Amino acid sequence: MEKFQEYREKAKRNLEISDHMLNVTFLLVKDPKLLLAVIENIFLAYTNSMNAILLHDWIYKKIPGFNETFESKLNMFQARSIDMHKLDKKYITDMRELRNLLLEHKKSPIEFSRQGKLVICSDSYQIKTIEQKELAEYINKAKVFIHEMTSIIAENERIFGKRRERA
């Protein structure tokens, strides 16, 4: 299996995990701290999908090489792959929002649960609330993105299957 195919499978798995955690586990346990794990898995689904597309484009020499940092990959994705594959630019906004939520959580001095929502406070006590409905929307957008990513990769995937049969 090629590396971009591995990224595709990881993205699908992360999305399955986030969907199950939000729609099954969270409803049973009702612990808003689970929402943070859902955010992490949605973010991983997005980034693994982006990595799959970037690596696929790089292998087929559609884009130049790029650094392994998140910002570098996101910039290359925004500059080249989004327009080339006619993808929605909102995916970039979603990835940045999810990443910012995770970073805010790491920096936050306090977090707590209130009325089924996770509340994150910054150093200056600005409040950011995360709720199930908001994460369900992110999951739905990620499903569409992963479907589009799978379509992009599937165009040339037969080539890699043939190469394996000969070996």
N, C-alpha and C. Protein backbone atom coordinates (compact mmCIF):
# COMPACT_ATOMS: atom_id res chain seq x y z
N MET A 1 0.86 -1.18 0.00
CA MET A 1 0.00 0.00 0.00
C MET A 1 0.90 1.24 0.00
N GLU A 2 0.58 2.16 -0.87
CA GLU A 2 1.33 3.42 -0.96
C GLU A 2 1.01 4.31 0.23
N LYS A 3 1.88 5.24 0.50
CA LYS A 3 1.73 6.12 1.67
C LYS A 3 0.44 6.94 1.60
N PHE A 4 0.09 7.46 0.41
CA PHE A 4 -1.13 8.25 0.32
C PHE A 4 -2.38 7.39 0.55
N GLN A 5 -2.29 6.11 0.23
CA GLN A 5 -3.40 5.20 0.52
C GLN A 5 -3.51 4.95 2.02
N GLU A 6 -2.36 4.89 2.69
CA GLU A 6 -2.38 4.74 4.15
C GLU A 6 -3.02 5.96 4.80
N TYR A 7 -2.70 7.15 4.30
CA TYR A 7 -3.32 8.37 4.83
C TYR A 7 -4.83 8.34 4.62
N ARG A 8 -5.27 7.84 3.47
CA ARG A 8 -6.70 7.75 3.20
C ARG A 8 -7.38 6.85 4.22
N GLU A 9 -6.77 5.70 4.49
CA GLU A 9 -7.35 4.76 5.45
C GLU A 9 -7.36 5.33 6.86
N LYS A 10 -6.29 6.04 7.23
CA LYS A 10 -6.25 6.70 8.55
C LYS A 10 -7.36 7.74 8.66
N ALA A 11 -7.56 8.51 7.60
CA ALA A 11 -8.60 9.55 7.61
C ALA A 11 -9.98 8.92 7.81
N LYS A 12 -10.24 7.86 7.09
CA LYS A 12 -11.53 7.17 7.24
C LYS A 12 -11.71 6.64 8.66
N ARG A 13 -10.65 6.07 9.21
CA ARG A 13 -10.72 5.51 10.56
C ARG A 13 -10.95 6.62 11.60
N ASN A 14 -10.22 7.74 11.46
CA ASN A 14 -10.42 8.86 12.39
C ASN A 14 -11.84 9.39 12.33
N LEU A 15 -12.41 9.44 11.14
CA LEU A 15 -13.78 9.92 11.00
C LEU A 15 -14.77 8.94 11.64
N GLU A 16 -14.55 7.65 11.46
CA GLU A 16 -15.41 6.65 12.10
C GLU A 16 -15.36 6.78 13.62
N ILE A 17 -14.15 6.97 14.15
CA ILE A 17 -13.98 7.10 15.60
C ILE A 17 -14.71 8.34 16.11
N SER A 18 -14.53 9.47 15.43
CA SER A 18 -15.17 10.71 15.89
C SER A 18 -16.69 10.60 15.81
N ASP A 19 -17.17 9.99 14.74
CA ASP A 19 -18.63 9.83 14.58
C ASP A 19 -19.20 8.93 15.68
N HIS A 20 -18.53 7.84 15.97
CA HIS A 20 -19.00 6.92 17.01
C HIS A 20 -18.94 7.59 18.38
N MET A 21 -17.84 8.29 18.65
CA MET A 21 -17.70 8.95 19.95
C MET A 21 -18.79 9.99 20.17
N LEU A 22 -19.12 10.72 19.12
CA LEU A 22 -20.11 11.79 19.25
C LEU A 22 -21.53 11.24 19.31
N ASN A 23 -21.85 10.29 18.45
CA ASN A 23 -23.23 9.84 18.31
C ASN A 23 -23.60 8.63 19.15
N VAL A 24 -22.61 7.96 19.74
CA VAL A 24 -22.92 6.80 20.59
C VAL A 24 -22.38 7.02 22.00
N THR A 25 -21.06 7.13 22.10
CA THR A 25 -20.43 7.22 23.42
C THR A 25 -20.87 8.47 24.18
N PHE A 26 -20.85 9.61 23.51
CA PHE A 26 -21.21 10.86 24.18
C PHE A 26 -22.65 10.82 24.67
N LEU A 27 -23.55 10.24 23.88
CA LEU A 27 -24.96 10.16 24.28
C LEU A 27 -25.16 9.24 25.49
N LEU A 28 -24.32 8.21 25.59
CA LEU A 28 -24.41 7.30 26.73
C LEU A 28 -23.78 7.88 27.99
N VAL A 29 -22.58 8.42 27.84
CA VAL A 29 -21.80 8.89 29.00
C VAL A 29 -22.18 10.31 29.40
N LYS A 30 -22.51 11.14 28.42
CA LYS A 30 -22.87 12.55 28.63
C LYS A 30 -21.76 13.34 29.33
N ASP A 31 -20.52 13.02 29.00
CA ASP A 31 -19.38 13.76 29.55
C ASP A 31 -18.84 14.68 28.45
N PRO A 32 -19.01 16.00 28.61
CA PRO A 32 -18.56 16.95 27.59
C PRO A 32 -17.06 16.91 27.31
N LYS A 33 -16.28 16.33 28.21
CA LYS A 33 -14.83 16.24 27.95
C LYS A 33 -14.54 15.29 26.79
N LEU A 34 -15.49 14.41 26.47
CA LEU A 34 -15.34 13.56 25.29
C LEU A 34 -15.33 14.38 24.00
N LEU A 35 -15.95 15.56 24.04
CA LEU A 35 -16.01 16.41 22.86
C LEU A 35 -14.61 16.80 22.38
N LEU A 36 -13.68 16.91 23.30
CA LEU A 36 -12.31 17.25 22.94
C LEU A 36 -11.67 16.12 22.12
N ALA A 37 -11.92 14.89 22.50
CA ALA A 37 -11.41 13.74 21.74
C ALA A 37 -12.07 13.68 20.36
N VAL A 38 -13.33 14.08 20.28
CA VAL A 38 -14.02 14.13 18.99
C VAL A 38 -13.34 15.17 18.10
N ILE A 39 -13.03 16.34 18.65
CA ILE A 39 -12.35 17.39 17.88
C ILE A 39 -11.01 16.87 17.36
N GLU A 40 -10.25 16.20 18.20
CA GLU A 40 -8.95 15.69 17.79
C GLU A 40 -9.08 14.71 16.62
N ASN A 41 -10.07 13.83 16.68
CA ASN A 41 -10.24 12.86 15.60
C ASN A 41 -10.76 13.49 14.32
N ILE A 42 -11.61 14.49 14.43
CA ILE A 42 -12.06 15.20 13.22
C ILE A 42 -10.87 15.91 12.58
N PHE A 43 -10.06 16.56 13.41
CA PHE A 43 -8.88 17.26 12.90
C PHE A 43 -7.92 16.26 12.23
N LEU A 44 -7.71 15.11 12.84
CA LEU A 44 -6.85 14.09 12.23
C LEU A 44 -7.44 13.56 10.92
N ALA A 45 -8.76 13.43 10.85
CA ALA A 45 -9.39 13.00 9.59
C ALA A 45 -9.12 14.02 8.49
N TYR A 46 -9.28 15.30 8.82
CA TYR A 46 -8.99 16.36 7.84
C TYR A 46 -7.52 16.35 7.42
N THR A 47 -6.62 16.32 8.39
CA THR A 47 -5.20 16.42 8.05
C THR A 47 -4.71 15.17 7.30
N ASN A 48 -5.20 14.00 7.66
CA ASN A 48 -4.81 12.80 6.92
C ASN A 48 -5.35 12.84 5.49
N SER A 49 -6.54 13.37 5.30
CA SER A 49 -7.09 13.53 3.95
C SER A 49 -6.25 14.51 3.15
N MET A 50 -5.90 15.63 3.77
CA MET A 50 -5.06 16.62 3.10
C MET A 50 -3.71 16.00 2.75
N ASN A 51 -3.11 15.25 3.68
CA ASN A 51 -1.84 14.60 3.42
C ASN A 51 -1.94 13.62 2.25
N ALA A 52 -3.03 12.89 2.17
CA ALA A 52 -3.22 11.93 1.08
C ALA A 52 -3.25 12.65 -0.26
N ILE A 53 -3.99 13.75 -0.33
CA ILE A 53 -4.07 14.51 -1.58
C ILE A 53 -2.71 15.10 -1.93
N LEU A 54 -2.04 15.71 -0.96
CA LEU A 54 -0.74 16.32 -1.23
C LEU A 54 0.27 15.28 -1.71
N LEU A 55 0.33 14.15 -1.04
CA LEU A 55 1.28 13.12 -1.42
C LEU A 55 0.95 12.55 -2.80
N HIS A 56 -0.32 12.37 -3.07
CA HIS A 56 -0.76 11.90 -4.38
C HIS A 56 -0.34 12.90 -5.46
N ASP A 57 -0.58 14.18 -5.22
CA ASP A 57 -0.20 15.21 -6.18
C ASP A 57 1.31 15.28 -6.36
N TRP A 58 2.05 15.09 -5.28
CA TRP A 58 3.51 15.13 -5.36
C TRP A 58 4.05 13.94 -6.15
N ILE A 59 3.50 12.76 -5.92
CA ILE A 59 3.94 11.56 -6.64
C ILE A 59 3.73 11.75 -8.14
N TYR A 60 2.62 12.37 -8.52
CA TYR A 60 2.32 12.59 -9.94
C TYR A 60 2.88 13.92 -10.46
N LYS A 61 3.78 14.51 -9.66
CA LYS A 61 4.51 15.72 -10.04
C LYS A 61 3.60 16.88 -10.42
N LYS A 62 2.50 16.98 -9.73
CA LYS A 62 1.57 18.10 -9.93
C LYS A 62 1.93 19.28 -9.02
N ILE A 63 2.65 18.98 -7.94
CA ILE A 63 3.08 20.02 -6.99
C ILE A 63 4.54 19.79 -6.63
N PRO A 64 5.24 20.85 -6.23
CA PRO A 64 6.63 20.67 -5.78
C PRO A 64 6.66 20.07 -4.37
N GLY A 65 7.85 19.75 -3.92
CA GLY A 65 8.01 19.22 -2.56
C GLY A 65 7.60 20.24 -1.52
N PHE A 66 7.34 19.77 -0.32
CA PHE A 66 6.88 20.64 0.77
C PHE A 66 7.44 20.13 2.08
N ASN A 67 7.50 21.00 3.07
CA ASN A 67 7.98 20.62 4.40
C ASN A 67 6.93 19.79 5.12
N GLU A 68 7.34 19.11 6.16
CA GLU A 68 6.45 18.23 6.90
C GLU A 68 5.69 18.93 8.03
N THR A 69 5.72 20.25 8.08
CA THR A 69 4.98 20.95 9.12
C THR A 69 3.53 21.15 8.68
N PHE A 70 2.65 21.29 9.65
CA PHE A 70 1.23 21.48 9.32
C PHE A 70 1.02 22.73 8.48
N GLU A 71 1.63 23.84 8.88
CA GLU A 71 1.45 25.10 8.16
C GLU A 71 1.95 25.00 6.73
N SER A 72 3.08 24.35 6.54
CA SER A 72 3.64 24.19 5.20
C SER A 72 2.70 23.37 4.31
N LYS A 73 2.20 22.28 4.86
CA LYS A 73 1.27 21.44 4.11
C LYS A 73 -0.02 22.19 3.80
N LEU A 74 -0.54 22.90 4.79
CA LEU A 74 -1.78 23.64 4.58
C LEU A 74 -1.60 24.73 3.53
N ASN A 75 -0.47 25.42 3.57
CA ASN A 75 -0.20 26.46 2.58
C ASN A 75 -0.09 25.88 1.17
N MET A 76 0.60 24.75 1.03
CA MET A 76 0.72 24.10 -0.27
C MET A 76 -0.65 23.63 -0.75
N PHE A 77 -1.42 23.07 0.16
CA PHE A 77 -2.76 22.59 -0.17
C PHE A 77 -3.62 23.76 -0.65
N GLN A 78 -3.54 24.87 0.06
CA GLN A 78 -4.32 26.05 -0.30
C GLN A 78 -3.85 26.66 -1.62
N ALA A 79 -2.54 26.71 -1.82
CA ALA A 79 -1.99 27.35 -3.01
C ALA A 79 -2.18 26.51 -4.27
N ARG A 80 -2.09 25.19 -4.16
CA ARG A 80 -2.09 24.36 -5.36
C ARG A 80 -3.26 23.39 -5.48
N SER A 81 -3.45 22.58 -4.46
CA SER A 81 -4.37 21.45 -4.59
C SER A 81 -5.84 21.85 -4.58
N ILE A 82 -6.20 22.84 -3.80
CA ILE A 82 -7.62 23.24 -3.71
C ILE A 82 -8.17 23.61 -5.08
N ASP A 83 -7.47 24.49 -5.78
CA ASP A 83 -7.95 24.92 -7.10
C ASP A 83 -7.81 23.82 -8.14
N MET A 84 -6.70 23.06 -8.08
CA MET A 84 -6.46 22.01 -9.06
C MET A 84 -7.58 20.96 -9.04
N HIS A 85 -8.05 20.62 -7.84
CA HIS A 85 -9.07 19.58 -7.71
C HIS A 85 -10.48 20.16 -7.50
N LYS A 86 -10.59 21.48 -7.61
CA LYS A 86 -11.89 22.18 -7.46
C LYS A 86 -12.59 21.82 -6.14
N LEU A 87 -11.81 21.90 -5.06
CA LEU A 87 -12.33 21.63 -3.72
C LEU A 87 -12.82 22.93 -3.09
N ASP A 88 -13.71 22.82 -2.13
CA ASP A 88 -14.24 23.97 -1.42
C ASP A 88 -13.18 24.56 -0.49
N LYS A 89 -13.01 25.85 -0.53
CA LYS A 89 -12.01 26.53 0.31
C LYS A 89 -12.40 26.52 1.79
N LYS A 90 -13.62 26.17 2.09
CA LYS A 90 -14.07 26.11 3.49
C LYS A 90 -13.36 24.99 4.25
N TYR A 91 -12.83 24.01 3.54
CA TYR A 91 -12.09 22.94 4.22
C TYR A 91 -10.87 23.50 4.94
N ILE A 92 -10.22 24.47 4.32
CA ILE A 92 -9.05 25.09 4.94
C ILE A 92 -9.48 25.84 6.21
N THR A 93 -10.59 26.56 6.11
CA THR A 93 -11.12 27.28 7.28
C THR A 93 -11.44 26.29 8.39
N ASP A 94 -12.07 25.19 8.06
CA ASP A 94 -12.41 24.18 9.06
C ASP A 94 -11.15 23.62 9.74
N MET A 95 -10.13 23.32 8.94
CA MET A 95 -8.89 22.79 9.52
C MET A 95 -8.26 23.79 10.47
N ARG A 96 -8.24 25.05 10.07
CA ARG A 96 -7.66 26.09 10.93
C ARG A 96 -8.48 26.25 12.22
N GLU A 97 -9.80 26.23 12.11
CA GLU A 97 -10.66 26.37 13.29
C GLU A 97 -10.44 25.21 14.26
N LEU A 98 -10.41 24.00 13.74
CA LEU A 98 -10.21 22.83 14.60
C LEU A 98 -8.84 22.87 15.26
N ARG A 99 -7.82 23.25 14.50
CA ARG A 99 -6.48 23.35 15.07
C ARG A 99 -6.43 24.42 16.15
N ASN A 100 -7.08 25.55 15.90
CA ASN A 100 -7.10 26.63 16.90
C ASN A 100 -7.82 26.19 18.17
N LEU A 101 -8.89 25.41 18.03
CA LEU A 101 -9.58 24.89 19.21
C LEU A 101 -8.65 24.00 20.04
N LEU A 102 -7.91 23.15 19.37
CA LEU A 102 -6.99 22.27 20.08
C LEU A 102 -5.86 23.06 20.74
N LEU A 103 -5.36 24.07 20.05
CA LEU A 103 -4.30 24.90 20.64
C LEU A 103 -4.82 25.73 21.81
N GLU A 104 -6.04 26.27 21.67
CA GLU A 104 -6.65 27.02 22.77
C GLU A 104 -6.82 26.13 23.99
N HIS A 105 -7.20 24.89 23.76
CA HIS A 105 -7.37 23.96 24.88
C HIS A 105 -6.05 23.73 25.59
N LYS A 106 -4.97 23.55 24.83
CA LYS A 106 -3.66 23.30 25.44
C LYS A 106 -3.19 24.51 26.25
N LYS A 107 -3.49 25.71 25.77
CA LYS A 107 -3.04 26.92 26.44
C LYS A 107 -3.96 27.33 27.60
N SER A 108 -5.17 26.84 27.59
CA SER A 108 -6.16 27.32 28.55
C SER A 108 -5.82 26.93 29.98
N PRO A 109 -5.99 27.87 30.91
CA PRO A 109 -5.74 27.57 32.31
C PRO A 109 -6.88 26.78 32.94
N ILE A 110 -8.08 26.87 32.32
CA ILE A 110 -9.23 26.19 32.92
C ILE A 110 -10.21 25.79 31.83
N GLU A 111 -10.83 24.65 32.07
CA GLU A 111 -11.92 24.18 31.22
C GLU A 111 -12.93 23.51 32.14
N PHE A 112 -14.19 23.57 31.75
CA PHE A 112 -15.22 22.94 32.57
C PHE A 112 -16.42 22.60 31.70
N SER A 113 -17.33 21.83 32.28
CA SER A 113 -18.54 21.41 31.59
C SER A 113 -19.72 22.21 32.11
N ARG A 114 -20.58 22.58 31.20
CA ARG A 114 -21.79 23.28 31.59
C ARG A 114 -22.90 22.95 30.59
N GLN A 115 -23.98 22.42 31.10
CA GLN A 115 -25.17 22.10 30.31
C GLN A 115 -24.84 21.29 29.06
N GLY A 116 -24.02 20.27 29.21
CA GLY A 116 -23.69 19.39 28.10
C GLY A 116 -22.69 19.97 27.11
N LYS A 117 -22.09 21.09 27.45
CA LYS A 117 -21.11 21.74 26.58
C LYS A 117 -19.76 21.77 27.29
N LEU A 118 -18.70 21.80 26.51
CA LEU A 118 -17.36 21.97 27.04
C LEU A 118 -17.00 23.45 26.91
N VAL A 119 -16.57 24.05 28.01
CA VAL A 119 -16.23 25.47 28.02
C VAL A 119 -14.73 25.59 28.24
N ILE A 120 -14.07 26.32 27.33
CA ILE A 120 -12.62 26.55 27.42
C ILE A 120 -12.40 28.04 27.65
N CYS A 121 -11.63 28.36 28.68
CA CYS A 121 -11.33 29.76 29.00
C CYS A 121 -9.87 30.06 28.64
N SER A 122 -9.64 31.23 28.06
CA SER A 122 -8.27 31.65 27.75
C SER A 122 -7.68 32.37 28.96
N ASP A 123 -6.41 32.78 28.85
CA ASP A 123 -5.76 33.52 29.93
C ASP A 123 -6.51 34.81 30.27
N SER A 124 -7.08 35.42 29.25
CA SER A 124 -7.83 36.67 29.47
C SER A 124 -9.31 36.38 29.74
N TYR A 125 -9.64 35.13 30.02
CA TYR A 125 -10.98 34.65 30.35
C TYR A 125 -12.00 34.89 29.24
N GLN A 126 -11.53 34.79 28.02
CA GLN A 126 -12.46 34.74 26.90
C GLN A 126 -12.95 33.29 26.84
N ILE A 127 -14.23 33.14 26.62
CA ILE A 127 -14.84 31.81 26.69
C ILE A 127 -15.16 31.29 25.30
N LYS A 128 -14.85 30.02 25.10
CA LYS A 128 -15.20 29.32 23.86
C LYS A 128 -15.96 28.07 24.28
N THR A 129 -17.18 27.91 23.78
CA THR A 129 -17.97 26.72 24.11
C THR A 129 -18.00 25.77 22.91
N ILE A 130 -17.99 24.50 23.23
CA ILE A 130 -18.05 23.46 22.21
C ILE A 130 -19.23 22.57 22.54
N GLU A 131 -20.08 22.36 21.54
CA GLU A 131 -21.25 21.53 21.78
C GLU A 131 -21.40 20.46 20.70
N GLN A 132 -22.24 19.49 20.97
CA GLN A 132 -22.42 18.34 20.10
C GLN A 132 -22.87 18.76 18.70
N LYS A 133 -23.80 19.67 18.60
CA LYS A 133 -24.35 20.08 17.31
C LYS A 133 -23.26 20.65 16.39
N GLU A 134 -22.39 21.46 16.96
CA GLU A 134 -21.29 22.08 16.20
C GLU A 134 -20.34 21.00 15.67
N LEU A 135 -20.03 20.02 16.48
CA LEU A 135 -19.12 18.95 16.06
C LEU A 135 -19.77 18.02 15.04
N ALA A 136 -21.09 17.85 15.13
CA ALA A 136 -21.79 17.04 14.14
C ALA A 136 -21.68 17.69 12.76
N GLU A 137 -21.72 19.02 12.71
CA GLU A 137 -21.56 19.73 11.43
C GLU A 137 -20.15 19.53 10.87
N TYR A 138 -19.15 19.60 11.75
CA TYR A 138 -17.77 19.35 11.31
C TYR A 138 -17.62 17.94 10.76
N ILE A 139 -18.25 16.97 11.41
CA ILE A 139 -18.16 15.59 10.95
C ILE A 139 -18.80 15.45 9.57
N ASN A 140 -19.95 16.08 9.37
CA ASN A 140 -20.61 16.00 8.06
C ASN A 140 -19.75 16.62 6.96
N LYS A 141 -19.11 17.74 7.25
CA LYS A 141 -18.22 18.37 6.27
C LYS A 141 -17.01 17.48 6.01
N ALA A 142 -16.48 16.86 7.06
CA ALA A 142 -15.33 15.98 6.90
C ALA A 142 -15.68 14.75 6.06
N LYS A 143 -16.90 14.25 6.19
CA LYS A 143 -17.34 13.12 5.38
C LYS A 143 -17.30 13.47 3.90
N VAL A 144 -17.78 14.66 3.57
CA VAL A 144 -17.77 15.11 2.18
C VAL A 144 -16.33 15.26 1.68
N PHE A 145 -15.47 15.85 2.52
CA PHE A 145 -14.07 16.05 2.15
C PHE A 145 -13.38 14.71 1.90
N ILE A 146 -13.61 13.74 2.77
CA ILE A 146 -12.99 12.42 2.61
C ILE A 146 -13.52 11.73 1.35
N HIS A 147 -14.79 11.90 1.07
CA HIS A 147 -15.36 11.34 -0.16
C HIS A 147 -14.68 11.95 -1.40
N GLU A 148 -14.50 13.26 -1.39
CA GLU A 148 -13.83 13.94 -2.50
C GLU A 148 -12.37 13.50 -2.61
N MET A 149 -11.70 13.38 -1.47
CA MET A 149 -10.31 12.92 -1.46
C MET A 149 -10.21 11.52 -2.04
N THR A 150 -11.12 10.64 -1.67
CA THR A 150 -11.12 9.27 -2.18
C THR A 150 -11.31 9.25 -3.69
N SER A 151 -12.16 10.12 -4.19
CA SER A 151 -12.38 10.21 -5.64
C SER A 151 -11.12 10.68 -6.36
N ILE A 152 -10.42 11.65 -5.78
CA ILE A 152 -9.19 12.17 -6.39
C ILE A 152 -8.14 11.08 -6.46
N ILE A 153 -7.98 10.36 -5.39
CA ILE A 153 -6.95 9.32 -5.32
C ILE A 153 -7.30 8.12 -6.19
N ALA A 154 -8.59 7.81 -6.30
CA ALA A 154 -9.03 6.63 -7.05
C ALA A 154 -8.75 6.75 -8.54
N GLU A 155 -8.57 7.97 -9.05
CA GLU A 155 -8.33 8.16 -10.48
C GLU A 155 -7.13 7.36 -10.98
N ASN A 156 -6.06 7.33 -10.21
CA ASN A 156 -4.84 6.67 -10.64
C ASN A 156 -4.46 5.48 -9.77
N GLU A 157 -5.34 5.05 -8.93
CA GLU A 157 -5.01 4.00 -7.96
C GLU A 157 -4.74 2.65 -8.64
N ARG A 158 -5.35 2.42 -9.78
CA ARG A 158 -5.14 1.15 -10.49
C ARG A 158 -3.66 0.92 -10.81
N ILE A 159 -2.95 2.00 -11.09
CA ILE A 159 -1.53 1.89 -11.44
C ILE A 159 -0.76 1.20 -10.32
N PHE A 160 -1.06 1.57 -9.09
CA PHE A 160 -0.34 0.99 -7.96
C PHE A 160 -0.74 -0.46 -7.74
N GLY A 161 -1.97 -0.81 -8.05
CA GLY A 161 -2.41 -2.20 -7.93
C GLY A 161 -1.70 -3.08 -8.93
N LYS A 162 -1.54 -2.60 -10.17
CA LYS A 162 -0.86 -3.36 -11.22
C LYS A 162 0.60 -3.57 -10.87
N ARG A 163 1.23 -2.55 -10.33
CA ARG A 163 2.64 -2.64 -9.97
C ARG A 163 2.84 -3.74 -8.92
N ARG A 164 1.92 -3.87 -8.00
CA ARG A 164 2.04 -4.87 -6.94
C ARG A 164 1.86 -6.28 -7.51
N GLU A 165 0.95 -6.43 -8.48
CA GLU A 165 0.71 -7.75 -9.06
C GLU A 165 1.94 -8.29 -9.77
N ARG A 166 2.70 -7.41 -10.41
CA ARG A 166 3.90 -7.82 -11.14
C ARG A 166 5.02 -8.20 -10.19
N ALA A 167 5.08 -7.58 -9.04
CA ALA A 167 6.20 -7.80 -8.12
C ALA A 167 6.19 -9.14 -7.47
